[in-house]
Amino acid sequence: MVLIGPLWQQGEGQDLTFGFLAEEKHLNRRGVVHGGMLMAFADQALGLTAREITGGLPQATIQLDTHFIAPAVVGEFISLKAEVIRRTRSILFMRGTLEVGERAVASSQGIWKVLSKD
């Protein structure tokens, strides 16, 4: 996974952007990027965002919902801009759209629990 800019924006609309280049190893039997790969990427990107905005505190995914919109193929760069919808002291609600350029390929939203350092 590659971090792409903008790396961090403070204040309202805090977000991080992540991306990866689809390779042969990411494909399913139909020759498109596997849905499991897209879900794992979304979980990682949103989870890293949760860790970043909580100052490095560990966290765990409570729920992750993903909707597949269009296929992605080898050679396409898939990005996700993580958006924090709501934040409490111990819970983060986030979402992101996985895109190839301007084309949406999936959308994910989920809930993360902030854990103590212990």
Protein backbone atom coordinates (compact mmCIF):
# COMPACT_ATOMS: atom_id res chain seq x y z
CA MET A 1 0.00 0.00 0.00
CA VAL A 2 1.30 3.45 -0.87
CA LEU A 3 0.42 6.68 0.91
CA ILE A 4 -0.47 9.40 -1.57
CA GLY A 5 -1.13 13.13 -0.95
CA PRO A 6 -2.57 15.02 0.71
CA LEU A 7 -1.06 13.07 3.58
CA TRP A 8 -2.89 14.90 6.35
CA GLN A 9 -5.29 17.81 6.76
CA GLN A 10 -6.03 19.21 10.22
CA GLY A 11 -9.39 20.47 11.46
CA GLU A 12 -12.78 19.67 9.99
CA GLY A 13 -12.61 17.16 7.16
CA GLN A 14 -9.55 15.38 8.57
CA ASP A 15 -8.52 12.80 6.02
CA LEU A 16 -5.77 10.60 4.66
CA THR A 17 -5.50 9.25 1.13
CA PHE A 18 -4.16 5.77 0.37
CA GLY A 19 -3.68 3.81 -2.84
CA PHE A 20 -2.26 0.71 -4.51
CA LEU A 21 -1.47 -0.42 -8.04
CA ALA A 22 -3.51 -3.48 -9.02
CA GLU A 23 -1.27 -6.42 -9.92
CA GLU A 24 -1.85 -9.99 -11.10
CA LYS A 25 -1.68 -11.25 -7.50
CA HIS A 26 -4.75 -9.11 -6.64
CA LEU A 27 -7.04 -10.73 -9.22
CA ASN A 28 -9.83 -13.25 -8.83
CA ARG A 29 -10.68 -16.04 -11.30
CA ARG A 30 -12.64 -13.58 -13.45
CA GLY A 31 -9.50 -11.46 -14.00
CA VAL A 32 -10.60 -8.44 -11.95
CA VAL A 33 -9.37 -7.23 -8.57
CA HIS A 34 -10.75 -9.58 -5.89
CA GLY A 35 -13.44 -8.14 -3.64
CA GLY A 36 -11.52 -9.42 -0.63
CA MET A 37 -8.51 -7.36 -1.71
CA LEU A 38 -10.67 -4.24 -1.97
CA MET A 39 -12.16 -4.92 1.48
CA ALA A 40 -8.75 -5.55 3.07
CA PHE A 41 -7.43 -2.34 1.48
CA ALA A 42 -10.41 -0.33 2.79
CA ASP A 43 -10.01 -1.83 6.29
CA GLN A 44 -6.29 -1.03 6.32
CA ALA A 45 -6.72 2.53 5.00
CA LEU A 46 -9.55 3.41 7.36
CA GLY A 47 -7.81 1.69 10.29
CA LEU A 48 -4.57 3.59 9.68
CA THR A 49 -6.61 6.79 9.60
CA ALA A 50 -8.16 5.89 12.97
CA ARG A 51 -4.69 5.30 14.43
CA GLU A 52 -3.37 8.57 13.03
CA ILE A 53 -6.15 10.78 14.34
CA THR A 54 -6.03 9.22 17.82
CA GLY A 55 -2.34 9.96 18.18
CA GLY A 56 -1.20 6.41 17.55
CA LEU A 57 -3.58 4.63 19.92
CA PRO A 58 -4.38 1.06 18.90
CA GLN A 59 -7.86 0.42 17.53
CA ALA A 60 -10.00 -2.44 16.26
CA THR A 61 -12.54 -2.66 13.49
CA ILE A 62 -16.03 -3.18 14.94
CA GLN A 63 -17.91 -3.14 11.64
CA LEU A 64 -17.01 -2.69 7.98
CA ASP A 65 -19.59 -2.55 5.20
CA THR A 66 -18.45 -2.59 1.58
CA HIS A 67 -20.49 -2.12 -1.58
CA PHE A 68 -18.94 -3.15 -4.90
CA ILE A 69 -19.74 -0.76 -7.74
CA ALA A 70 -17.48 -1.56 -10.72
CA PRO A 71 -14.53 -3.86 -11.48
CA ALA A 72 -10.88 -2.81 -11.35
CA VAL A 73 -8.21 -4.49 -13.49
CA VAL A 74 -4.42 -4.97 -13.57
CA GLY A 75 -2.52 -1.72 -13.98
CA GLU A 76 -5.18 0.51 -12.48
CA PHE A 77 -4.30 2.63 -9.45
CA ILE A 78 -6.99 2.30 -6.77
CA SER A 79 -7.20 5.05 -4.17
CA LEU A 80 -9.28 5.71 -1.08
CA LYS A 81 -9.67 9.02 0.72
CA ALA A 82 -10.65 8.25 4.32
CA GLU A 83 -13.25 10.54 5.85
CA VAL A 84 -14.06 10.71 9.57
CA ILE A 85 -17.83 11.09 9.90
CA ARG A 86 -18.01 11.25 13.69
CA ARG A 87 -15.57 10.83 16.53
CA THR A 88 -16.19 10.18 20.21
CA ARG A 89 -13.57 9.43 22.87
CA SER A 90 -13.66 5.72 22.10
CA ILE A 91 -15.42 5.24 18.74
CA LEU A 92 -14.73 6.50 15.21
CA PHE A 93 -17.22 6.37 12.35
CA MET A 94 -15.52 6.55 8.94
CA ARG A 95 -16.13 6.05 5.26
CA GLY A 96 -14.28 6.09 1.98
CA THR A 97 -14.84 5.52 -1.72
CA LEU A 98 -12.37 3.34 -3.60
CA GLU A 99 -11.73 4.99 -6.95
CA VAL A 100 -9.78 4.53 -10.15
CA GLY A 101 -9.39 8.11 -11.30
CA GLU A 102 -12.90 9.53 -11.10
CA ARG A 103 -14.58 6.08 -11.39
CA ALA A 104 -15.91 4.59 -8.15
CA VAL A 105 -15.22 0.86 -7.81
CA ALA A 106 -16.43 0.35 -4.21
CA SER A 107 -17.51 2.23 -1.12
CA SER A 108 -16.82 1.31 2.49
CA GLN A 109 -18.00 2.61 5.80
CA GLY A 110 -17.27 1.34 9.25
CA ILE A 111 -16.84 1.77 12.96
CA TRP A 112 -13.54 1.57 14.87
CA LYS A 113 -13.06 1.16 18.62
CA VAL A 114 -10.15 3.07 20.15
CA LEU A 115 -8.27 0.82 22.58
CA SER A 116 -6.02 1.77 25.48
CA LYS A 117 -2.25 1.40 25.12
CA ASP A 118 -2.27 -1.30 27.83
